[in-house]
Amino acid sequence: MSQQNWTVKDDIREYWSSRAETFDLSVGHEIFGDDERGAWHALIERHLGSGIGRKALDLASGTGVISRLLCEKGFSVTGLDFAEPMLERAKAKAKARGLDARYMEGDAEDTRLPDDAFDVIMTRHLVWTLPNPQAAFADWFRVLKPGGRVLIVDADMTARGFGARLLRRIAAFLKRFAPPAAMPGIDRERHNRILEQVHFSKGARAEDVAALLAAAGFENIVIDRVFAPIRKAQGRHMPLHQRIDRASQDRYAIQASKPENLTAEAVPPGRHAA
């Protein structure tokens, strides 16, 4: 592809493809203990319920970490990702563990999946990377069954308040005395170029994400900031400065539902009632 036709989505695909080999080495990507796994299970149970007899779509599935959690809760999982190297690893892990998960390459903003196909959708650390979250949420609304739920796990990494800014300064100070951390696979130049072009370039505030979900037709929107169990479990595998820096971020889950009974008035412009 010529540089002239290169888009931010091509950058996103290349960035995550380059990170596939080392993705599972990072705390916050892979899960390194039963305490963290249990905390994620509790979050899923709280917002999505049991997966027995239900279909889940894991968007930006990466190497299949969230897919595995959903399978363990009983869901039949379809994982969709932009990056083929990520998908290769997810497929290999699912096969080795005998998980009820299948994977396909696709765009989270335009999945090309059938209408009313899934009971739940779950994403982790996807929304902040979206160039057009409005289009993504409209597509997610379409592929969910009436009454289906979406669960978004993400973070606003912008330190907004005085306390958060102070924590970030302390973390930066302590980092100067920590051994250099090897972060293989991270192309900082490409990462920053992507960040400049996505919708939430100034930080993905939970309230802003919720407002876009409402505009797409979702209802019963809940912002859940009870992340202490996950953060504590992850922190056992992080150096002190990283734990403090994480504490400066607003990490959250957002649950929202597609209405059970859609009427023409309830469907946002540009789509049709089922």
C-alpha atoms as a PDB file:
ATOM      1  CA  MET A   1       0.000   0.000   0.000  1.00  0.00           C
ATOM      2  CA  SER A   2       1.364   3.435  -0.904  1.00  0.00           C
ATOM      3  CA  GLN A   3       2.064   5.927   1.862  1.00  0.00           C
ATOM      4  CA  GLN A   4      -0.482   8.219   0.214  1.00  0.00           C
ATOM      5  CA  ASN A   5      -3.275   5.697   0.894  1.00  0.00           C
ATOM      6  CA  TRP A   6      -2.031   4.743   4.378  1.00  0.00           C
ATOM      7  CA  THR A   7      -4.642   5.386   7.080  1.00  0.00           C
ATOM      8  CA  VAL A   8      -4.712   5.458  10.859  1.00  0.00           C
ATOM      9  CA  LYS A   9      -6.328   2.008  10.761  1.00  0.00           C
ATOM     10  CA  ASP A  10      -3.334   0.658   8.871  1.00  0.00           C
ATOM     11  CA  ASP A  11      -1.133   2.130  11.594  1.00  0.00           C
ATOM     12  CA  ILE A  12      -3.296   0.485  14.260  1.00  0.00           C
ATOM     13  CA  ARG A  13      -3.108  -2.894  12.534  1.00  0.00           C
ATOM     14  CA  GLU A  14       0.670  -2.699  12.130  1.00  0.00           C
ATOM     15  CA  TYR A  15       1.207  -1.488  15.686  1.00  0.00           C
ATOM     16  CA  TRP A  16      -0.705  -4.359  17.295  1.00  0.00           C
ATOM     17  CA  SER A  17       0.698  -6.901  14.860  1.00  0.00           C
ATOM     18  CA  SER A  18       4.200  -5.882  15.934  1.00  0.00           C
ATOM     19  CA  ARG A  19       3.243  -6.314  19.594  1.00  0.00           C
ATOM     20  CA  ALA A  20       1.721  -9.774  19.245  1.00  0.00           C
ATOM     21  CA  GLU A  21       4.904 -11.715  20.049  1.00  0.00           C
ATOM     22  CA  THR A  22       5.401 -10.030  23.433  1.00  0.00           C
ATOM     23  CA  PHE A  23       1.820  -9.039  24.268  1.00  0.00           C
ATOM     24  CA  ASP A  24       1.327 -11.796  26.841  1.00  0.00           C
ATOM     25  CA  LEU A  25       4.458 -10.782  28.750  1.00  0.00           C
ATOM     26  CA  SER A  26       2.856  -7.582  30.080  1.00  0.00           C
ATOM     27  CA  VAL A  27       0.872  -7.210  33.283  1.00  0.00           C
ATOM     28  CA  GLY A  28      -2.522  -5.813  32.340  1.00  0.00           C
ATOM     29  CA  HIS A  29      -2.537  -7.841  29.126  1.00  0.00           C
ATOM     30  CA  GLU A  30      -2.106 -11.449  30.228  1.00  0.00           C
ATOM     31  CA  ILE A  31      -3.358 -12.647  33.622  1.00  0.00           C
ATOM     32  CA  PHE A  32      -0.665 -13.902  35.984  1.00  0.00           C
ATOM     33  CA  GLY A  33      -2.551 -15.232  38.997  1.00  0.00           C
ATOM     34  CA  ASP A  34      -5.750 -16.874  40.174  1.00  0.00           C
ATOM     35  CA  ASP A  35      -6.580 -13.794  42.259  1.00  0.00           C
ATOM     36  CA  GLU A  36      -6.699 -11.593  39.159  1.00  0.00           C
ATOM     37  CA  ARG A  37      -8.574 -14.245  37.181  1.00  0.00           C
ATOM     38  CA  GLY A  38     -11.154 -14.448  39.967  1.00  0.00           C
ATOM     39  CA  ALA A  39     -11.526 -10.656  40.010  1.00  0.00           C
ATOM     40  CA  TRP A  40     -12.194 -10.612  36.258  1.00  0.00           C
ATOM     41  CA  HIS A  41     -14.706 -13.445  36.624  1.00  0.00           C
ATOM     42  CA  ALA A  42     -16.505 -11.418  39.288  1.00  0.00           C
ATOM     43  CA  LEU A  43     -16.651  -8.368  37.010  1.00  0.00           C
ATOM     44  CA  ILE A  44     -18.072 -10.429  34.142  1.00  0.00           C
ATOM     45  CA  GLU A  45     -20.614 -12.124  36.412  1.00  0.00           C
ATOM     46  CA  ARG A  46     -21.665  -8.767  37.848  1.00  0.00           C
ATOM     47  CA  HIS A  47     -22.418  -7.204  34.475  1.00  0.00           C
ATOM     48  CA  LEU A  48     -23.068 -10.041  32.023  1.00  0.00           C
ATOM     49  CA  GLY A  49     -24.274 -12.904  34.203  1.00  0.00           C
ATOM     50  CA  SER A  50     -23.814 -16.579  33.390  1.00  0.00           C
ATOM     51  CA  GLY A  51     -22.751 -17.513  29.887  1.00  0.00           C
ATOM     52  CA  ILE A  52     -24.462 -20.894  29.712  1.00  0.00           C
ATOM     53  CA  GLY A  53     -26.262 -21.134  26.370  1.00  0.00           C
ATOM     54  CA  ARG A  54     -25.253 -17.599  25.357  1.00  0.00           C
ATOM     55  CA  LYS A  55     -23.030 -16.168  22.622  1.00  0.00           C
ATOM     56  CA  ALA A  56     -20.337 -13.550  23.272  1.00  0.00           C
ATOM     57  CA  LEU A  57     -18.377 -11.341  20.902  1.00  0.00           C
ATOM     58  CA  ASP A  58     -14.879 -10.419  22.113  1.00  0.00           C
ATOM     59  CA  LEU A  59     -13.886  -7.335  20.122  1.00  0.00           C
ATOM     60  CA  ALA A  60     -10.182  -6.552  19.666  1.00  0.00           C
ATOM     61  CA  SER A  61      -9.637 -10.007  21.099  1.00  0.00           C
ATOM     62  CA  GLY A  62      -5.849  -9.878  20.839  1.00  0.00           C
ATOM     63  CA  THR A  63      -4.298 -13.128  22.026  1.00  0.00           C
ATOM     64  CA  GLY A  64      -7.588 -14.305  23.537  1.00  0.00           C
ATOM     65  CA  VAL A  65      -7.218 -13.303  27.191  1.00  0.00           C
ATOM     66  CA  ILE A  66     -10.776 -11.977  27.536  1.00  0.00           C
ATOM     67  CA  SER A  67     -12.100 -14.804  25.342  1.00  0.00           C
ATOM     68  CA  ARG A  68     -10.736 -17.318  27.828  1.00  0.00           C
ATOM     69  CA  LEU A  69     -12.443 -15.539  30.733  1.00  0.00           C
ATOM     70  CA  LEU A  70     -15.741 -15.536  28.867  1.00  0.00           C
ATOM     71  CA  CYS A  71     -15.369 -19.231  27.991  1.00  0.00           C
ATOM     72  CA  GLU A  72     -14.680 -19.997  31.633  1.00  0.00           C
ATOM     73  CA  LYS A  73     -17.992 -18.316  32.487  1.00  0.00           C
ATOM     74  CA  GLY A  74     -19.777 -20.569  29.983  1.00  0.00           C
ATOM     75  CA  PHE A  75     -20.075 -18.319  26.918  1.00  0.00           C
ATOM     76  CA  SER A  76     -19.587 -19.507  23.351  1.00  0.00           C
ATOM     77  CA  VAL A  77     -17.116 -16.914  22.090  1.00  0.00           C
ATOM     78  CA  THR A  78     -16.320 -15.299  18.770  1.00  0.00           C
ATOM     79  CA  GLY A  79     -13.173 -13.194  18.826  1.00  0.00           C
ATOM     80  CA  LEU A  80     -12.546 -10.496  16.242  1.00  0.00           C
ATOM     81  CA  ASP A  81      -9.282  -8.630  15.775  1.00  0.00           C
ATOM     82  CA  PHE A  82      -7.498  -6.486  13.190  1.00  0.00           C
ATOM     83  CA  ALA A  83      -4.077  -8.104  13.642  1.00  0.00           C
ATOM     84  CA  GLU A  84      -3.473 -11.562  12.160  1.00  0.00           C
ATOM     85  CA  PRO A  85      -0.450 -12.313  14.417  1.00  0.00           C
ATOM     86  CA  MET A  86      -2.683 -11.741  17.452  1.00  0.00           C
ATOM     87  CA  LEU A  87      -5.328 -14.050  16.016  1.00  0.00           C
ATOM     88  CA  GLU A  88      -2.790 -16.798  15.355  1.00  0.00           C
ATOM     89  CA  ARG A  89      -1.821 -16.821  19.024  1.00  0.00           C
ATOM     90  CA  ALA A  90      -5.435 -16.695  20.187  1.00  0.00           C
ATOM     91  CA  LYS A  91      -6.370 -19.668  17.985  1.00  0.00           C
ATOM     92  CA  ALA A  92      -3.399 -21.707  19.230  1.00  0.00           C
ATOM     93  CA  LYS A  93      -4.208 -20.997  22.879  1.00  0.00           C
ATOM     94  CA  ALA A  94      -7.912 -21.825  22.426  1.00  0.00           C
ATOM     95  CA  LYS A  95      -7.070 -25.120  20.732  1.00  0.00           C
ATOM     96  CA  ALA A  96      -4.541 -26.093  23.417  1.00  0.00           C
ATOM     97  CA  ARG A  97      -7.046 -25.353  26.207  1.00  0.00           C
ATOM     98  CA  GLY A  98     -10.109 -26.787  24.481  1.00  0.00           C
ATOM     99  CA  LEU A  99     -12.004 -23.492  24.687  1.00  0.00           C
ATOM    100  CA  ASP A 100     -15.320 -22.845  22.952  1.00  0.00           C
ATOM    101  CA  ALA A 101     -13.891 -19.939  20.967  1.00  0.00           C
ATOM    102  CA  ARG A 102     -13.411 -19.150  17.293  1.00  0.00           C
ATOM    103  CA  TYR A 103     -11.570 -16.201  15.796  1.00  0.00           C
ATOM    104  CA  MET A 104     -11.798 -14.051  12.705  1.00  0.00           C
ATOM    105  CA  GLU A 105     -10.079 -11.005  11.286  1.00  0.00           C
ATOM    106  CA  GLY A 106     -12.185  -7.860  11.166  1.00  0.00           C
ATOM    107  CA  ASP A 107     -12.719  -4.201  12.002  1.00  0.00           C
ATOM    108  CA  ALA A 108     -14.311  -3.394  15.375  1.00  0.00           C
ATOM    109  CA  GLU A 109     -15.964  -0.334  13.824  1.00  0.00           C
ATOM    110  CA  ASP A 110     -17.522  -2.357  10.996  1.00  0.00           C
ATOM    111  CA  THR A 111     -17.669  -6.015  12.015  1.00  0.00           C
ATOM    112  CA  ARG A 112     -19.678  -7.268   8.980  1.00  0.00           C
ATOM    113  CA  LEU A 113     -21.353  -9.733  11.366  1.00  0.00           C
ATOM    114  CA  PRO A 114     -25.073 -10.613  11.184  1.00  0.00           C
ATOM    115  CA  ASP A 115     -27.785  -8.556  12.882  1.00  0.00           C
ATOM    116  CA  ASP A 116     -28.985  -9.684  16.339  1.00  0.00           C
ATOM    117  CA  ALA A 117     -26.299 -12.373  16.527  1.00  0.00           C
ATOM    118  CA  PHE A 118     -24.846 -12.053  20.058  1.00  0.00           C
ATOM    119  CA  ASP A 119     -26.131 -11.976  23.608  1.00  0.00           C
ATOM    120  CA  VAL A 120     -23.145  -9.958  24.866  1.00  0.00           C
ATOM    121  CA  ILE A 121     -20.186  -7.981  23.589  1.00  0.00           C
ATOM    122  CA  MET A 122     -17.084  -7.373  25.690  1.00  0.00           C
ATOM    123  CA  THR A 123     -14.097  -5.162  24.956  1.00  0.00           C
ATOM    124  CA  ARG A 124     -10.954  -4.391  26.923  1.00  0.00           C
ATOM    125  CA  HIS A 125      -8.725  -1.411  26.127  1.00  0.00           C
ATOM    126  CA  LEU A 126     -10.314  -0.968  22.694  1.00  0.00           C
ATOM    127  CA  VAL A 127     -12.465   2.152  22.881  1.00  0.00           C
ATOM    128  CA  TRP A 128      -9.602   4.595  23.429  1.00  0.00           C
ATOM    129  CA  THR A 129      -8.062   3.404  20.108  1.00  0.00           C
ATOM    130  CA  LEU A 130     -11.173   3.959  17.961  1.00  0.00           C
ATOM    131  CA  PRO A 131     -11.027   6.664  15.273  1.00  0.00           C
ATOM    132  CA  ASN A 132     -14.851   6.635  15.044  1.00  0.00           C
ATOM    133  CA  PRO A 133     -16.505   5.259  18.193  1.00  0.00           C
ATOM    134  CA  GLN A 134     -19.913   6.518  17.019  1.00  0.00           C
ATOM    135  CA  ALA A 135     -19.761   4.133  14.041  1.00  0.00           C
ATOM    136  CA  ALA A 136     -18.461   1.327  16.267  1.00  0.00           C
ATOM    137  CA  PHE A 137     -21.248   1.663  18.841  1.00  0.00           C
ATOM    138  CA  ALA A 138     -23.908   1.752  16.098  1.00  0.00           C
ATOM    139  CA  ASP A 139     -22.495  -1.485  14.683  1.00  0.00           C
ATOM    140  CA  TRP A 140     -22.343  -3.132  18.122  1.00  0.00           C
ATOM    141  CA  PHE A 141     -25.971  -2.141  18.706  1.00  0.00           C
ATOM    142  CA  ARG A 142     -26.879  -3.812  15.410  1.00  0.00           C
ATOM    143  CA  VAL A 143     -25.160  -7.158  16.088  1.00  0.00           C
ATOM    144  CA  LEU A 144     -26.528  -7.487  19.646  1.00  0.00           C
ATOM    145  CA  LYS A 145     -29.793  -9.314  20.192  1.00  0.00           C
ATOM    146  CA  PRO A 146     -32.619  -7.245  21.708  1.00  0.00           C
ATOM    147  CA  GLY A 147     -31.898  -7.121  25.427  1.00  0.00           C
ATOM    148  CA  GLY A 148     -28.214  -7.894  24.803  1.00  0.00           C
ATOM    149  CA  ARG A 149     -25.478  -6.209  26.811  1.00  0.00           C
ATOM    150  CA  VAL A 150     -22.166  -4.596  26.018  1.00  0.00           C
ATOM    151  CA  LEU A 151     -19.367  -4.436  28.616  1.00  0.00           C
ATOM    152  CA  ILE A 152     -16.562  -1.973  27.902  1.00  0.00           C
ATOM    153  CA  VAL A 153     -13.424  -2.089  30.045  1.00  0.00           C
ATOM    154  CA  ASP A 154     -11.159   0.881  29.465  1.00  0.00           C
ATOM    155  CA  ALA A 155      -9.294   3.742  31.109  1.00  0.00           C
ATOM    156  CA  ASP A 156      -8.880   7.476  31.026  1.00  0.00           C
ATOM    157  CA  MET A 157      -5.116   7.711  31.363  1.00  0.00           C
ATOM    158  CA  THR A 158      -5.148  11.500  31.648  1.00  0.00           C
ATOM    159  CA  ALA A 159      -4.395  12.562  35.226  1.00  0.00           C
ATOM    160  CA  ARG A 160      -7.176  15.153  35.616  1.00  0.00           C
ATOM    161  CA  GLY A 161      -7.384  16.043  39.304  1.00  0.00           C
ATOM    162  CA  PHE A 162      -4.758  17.342  41.721  1.00  0.00           C
ATOM    163  CA  GLY A 163      -4.426  13.982  43.468  1.00  0.00           C
ATOM    164  CA  ALA A 164      -3.993  12.115  40.190  1.00  0.00           C
ATOM    165  CA  ARG A 165      -1.384  14.575  38.950  1.00  0.00           C
ATOM    166  CA  LEU A 166       0.505  14.261  42.239  1.00  0.00           C
ATOM    167  CA  LEU A 167       0.530  10.459  41.968  1.00  0.00           C
ATOM    168  CA  ARG A 168       1.859  10.716  38.420  1.00  0.00           C
ATOM    169  CA  ARG A 169       4.693  12.995  39.539  1.00  0.00           C
ATOM    170  CA  ILE A 170       5.605  10.610  42.361  1.00  0.00           C
ATOM    171  CA  ALA A 171       5.577   7.693  39.903  1.00  0.00           C
ATOM    172  CA  ALA A 172       7.824   9.579  37.486  1.00  0.00           C
ATOM    173  CA  PHE A 173      10.252  10.389  40.315  1.00  0.00           C
ATOM    174  CA  LEU A 174      10.426   6.775  41.534  1.00  0.00           C
ATOM    175  CA  LYS A 175      10.858   5.487  38.000  1.00  0.00           C
ATOM    176  CA  ARG A 176      14.207   7.300  37.803  1.00  0.00           C
ATOM    177  CA  PHE A 177      15.583   4.926  40.448  1.00  0.00           C
ATOM    178  CA  ALA A 178      14.037   1.727  39.069  1.00  0.00           C
ATOM    179  CA  PRO A 179      15.943  -0.677  36.808  1.00  0.00           C
ATOM    180  CA  PRO A 180      15.229  -0.037  33.132  1.00  0.00           C
ATOM    181  CA  ALA A 181      12.175  -1.989  32.055  1.00  0.00           C
ATOM    182  CA  ALA A 182      12.365  -3.778  28.740  1.00  0.00           C
ATOM    183  CA  MET A 183       9.218  -3.010  26.744  1.00  0.00           C
ATOM    184  CA  PRO A 184       9.714  -5.048  23.564  1.00  0.00           C
ATOM    185  CA  GLY A 185       7.439  -4.543  20.629  1.00  0.00           C
ATOM    186  CA  ILE A 186       6.380  -0.982  21.482  1.00  0.00           C
ATOM    187  CA  ASP A 187       6.845   1.489  18.639  1.00  0.00           C
ATOM    188  CA  ARG A 188       6.474   4.781  20.525  1.00  0.00           C
ATOM    189  CA  GLU A 189       6.523   6.900  17.374  1.00  0.00           C
ATOM    190  CA  ARG A 190       3.659   4.927  15.830  1.00  0.00           C
ATOM    191  CA  HIS A 191       1.793   4.810  19.153  1.00  0.00           C
ATOM    192  CA  ASN A 192       1.920   8.595  19.481  1.00  0.00           C
ATOM    193  CA  ARG A 193       0.935   9.080  15.846  1.00  0.00           C
ATOM    194  CA  ILE A 194      -2.124   6.872  16.384  1.00  0.00           C
ATOM    195  CA  LEU A 195      -3.058   8.662  19.608  1.00  0.00           C
ATOM    196  CA  GLU A 196      -3.104  12.008  17.823  1.00  0.00           C
ATOM    197  CA  GLN A 197      -5.708  10.729  15.337  1.00  0.00           C
ATOM    198  CA  VAL A 198      -8.186   8.763  17.462  1.00  0.00           C
ATOM    199  CA  HIS A 199     -11.428  10.225  18.815  1.00  0.00           C
ATOM    200  CA  PHE A 200     -10.324  10.113  22.455  1.00  0.00           C
ATOM    201  CA  SER A 201      -6.899  11.650  21.847  1.00  0.00           C
ATOM    202  CA  LYS A 202      -7.293  13.742  25.027  1.00  0.00           C
ATOM    203  CA  GLY A 203      -8.372  10.785  27.152  1.00  0.00           C
ATOM    204  CA  ALA A 204     -11.368   8.448  27.142  1.00  0.00           C
ATOM    205  CA  ARG A 205     -13.530   9.873  29.947  1.00  0.00           C
ATOM    206  CA  ALA A 206     -16.091   7.313  31.058  1.00  0.00           C
ATOM    207  CA  GLU A 207     -18.899   9.873  30.929  1.00  0.00           C
ATOM    208  CA  ASP A 208     -18.051  10.740  27.309  1.00  0.00           C
ATOM    209  CA  VAL A 209     -18.070   7.054  26.324  1.00  0.00           C
ATOM    210  CA  ALA A 210     -21.421   6.629  28.078  1.00  0.00           C
ATOM    211  CA  ALA A 211     -22.881   9.605  26.201  1.00  0.00           C
ATOM    212  CA  LEU A 212     -21.891   8.088  22.848  1.00  0.00           C
ATOM    213  CA  LEU A 213     -23.448   4.768  23.861  1.00  0.00           C
ATOM    214  CA  ALA A 214     -26.697   6.552  24.688  1.00  0.00           C
ATOM    215  CA  ALA A 215     -26.636   8.346  21.332  1.00  0.00           C
ATOM    216  CA  ALA A 216     -26.280   4.945  19.620  1.00  0.00           C
ATOM    217  CA  GLY A 217     -29.487   3.748  21.283  1.00  0.00           C
ATOM    218  CA  PHE A 218     -28.165   1.890  24.336  1.00  0.00           C
ATOM    219  CA  GLU A 219     -29.986   2.166  27.661  1.00  0.00           C
ATOM    220  CA  ASN A 220     -29.473   1.234  31.337  1.00  0.00           C
ATOM    221  CA  ILE A 221     -25.908   2.543  31.148  1.00  0.00           C
ATOM    222  CA  VAL A 222     -23.831   1.909  34.274  1.00  0.00           C
ATOM    223  CA  ILE A 223     -20.289   3.140  34.950  1.00  0.00           C
ATOM    224  CA  ASP A 224     -18.476   0.799  37.345  1.00  0.00           C
ATOM    225  CA  ARG A 225     -15.235   2.012  38.934  1.00  0.00           C
ATOM    226  CA  VAL A 226     -14.888  -0.868  41.414  1.00  0.00           C
ATOM    227  CA  PHE A 227     -11.503  -1.976  40.121  1.00  0.00           C
ATOM    228  CA  ALA A 228      -9.565  -2.395  43.353  1.00  0.00           C
ATOM    229  CA  PRO A 229      -9.521  -6.241  43.251  1.00  0.00           C
ATOM    230  CA  ILE A 230      -8.117  -6.305  39.703  1.00  0.00           C
ATOM    231  CA  ARG A 231      -5.681  -3.467  40.367  1.00  0.00           C
ATOM    232  CA  LYS A 232      -4.447  -5.085  43.586  1.00  0.00           C
ATOM    233  CA  ALA A 233      -3.904  -8.455  41.892  1.00  0.00           C
ATOM    234  CA  GLN A 234      -2.061  -6.872  38.971  1.00  0.00           C
ATOM    235  CA  GLY A 235       0.008  -4.731  41.320  1.00  0.00           C
ATOM    236  CA  ARG A 236       1.683  -7.794  42.806  1.00  0.00           C
ATOM    237  CA  HIS A 237       3.507  -8.179  39.496  1.00  0.00           C
ATOM    238  CA  MET A 238       4.389  -4.488  38.977  1.00  0.00           C
ATOM    239  CA  PRO A 239       7.193  -2.287  40.285  1.00  0.00           C
ATOM    240  CA  LEU A 240       6.139   0.412  42.746  1.00  0.00           C
ATOM    241  CA  HIS A 241       6.299   3.307  40.282  1.00  0.00           C
ATOM    242  CA  GLN A 242       4.012   1.491  37.862  1.00  0.00           C
ATOM    243  CA  ARG A 243       1.482   0.708  40.604  1.00  0.00           C
ATOM    244  CA  ILE A 244       1.391   4.375  41.593  1.00  0.00           C
ATOM    245  CA  ASP A 245       1.049   5.494  37.984  1.00  0.00           C
ATOM    246  CA  ARG A 246      -1.882   3.092  37.493  1.00  0.00           C
ATOM    247  CA  ALA A 247      -3.532   4.603  40.556  1.00  0.00           C
ATOM    248  CA  SER A 248      -3.472   8.005  38.823  1.00  0.00           C
ATOM    249  CA  GLN A 249      -5.641   6.634  35.998  1.00  0.00           C
ATOM    250  CA  ASP A 250      -9.426   6.314  35.955  1.00  0.00           C
ATOM    251  CA  ARG A 251     -10.034   2.655  35.109  1.00  0.00           C
ATOM    252  CA  TYR A 252     -13.636   1.647  34.626  1.00  0.00           C
ATOM    253  CA  ALA A 253     -16.169  -0.740  33.153  1.00  0.00           C
ATOM    254  CA  ILE A 254     -19.295   0.484  31.355  1.00  0.00           C
ATOM    255  CA  GLN A 255     -22.306  -1.774  30.942  1.00  0.00           C
ATOM    256  CA  ALA A 256     -25.123  -0.878  28.560  1.00  0.00           C
ATOM    257  CA  SER A 257     -28.111  -2.716  27.093  1.00  0.00           C
ATOM    258  CA  LYS A 258     -29.891  -2.832  23.778  1.00  0.00           C
ATOM    259  CA  PRO A 259     -33.624  -2.314  24.418  1.00  0.00           C
ATOM    260  CA  GLU A 260     -35.713  -5.478  24.551  1.00  0.00           C
ATOM    261  CA  ASN A 261     -38.497  -4.023  22.426  1.00  0.00           C
ATOM    262  CA  LEU A 262     -37.357  -1.676  19.677  1.00  0.00           C
ATOM    263  CA  THR A 263     -39.762   0.772  18.139  1.00  0.00           C
ATOM    264  CA  ALA A 264     -39.120   3.110  15.239  1.00  0.00           C
ATOM    265  CA  GLU A 265     -38.849   5.988  17.729  1.00  0.00           C
ATOM    266  CA  ALA A 266     -36.259   4.120  19.822  1.00  0.00           C
ATOM    267  CA  VAL A 267     -33.866   3.394  16.967  1.00  0.00           C
ATOM    268  CA  PRO A 268     -31.250   6.102  16.271  1.00  0.00           C
ATOM    269  CA  PRO A 269     -31.343   7.752  12.820  1.00  0.00           C
ATOM    270  CA  GLY A 270     -29.799   5.719  10.006  1.00  0.00           C
ATOM    271  CA  ARG A 271     -30.957   2.280  11.232  1.00  0.00           C
ATOM    272  CA  HIS A 272     -34.174   0.312  11.185  1.00  0.00           C
ATOM    273  CA  ALA A 273     -36.100  -1.396  13.954  1.00  0.00           C
ATOM    274  CA  ALA A 274     -35.809  -5.169  14.023  1.00  0.00           C
END
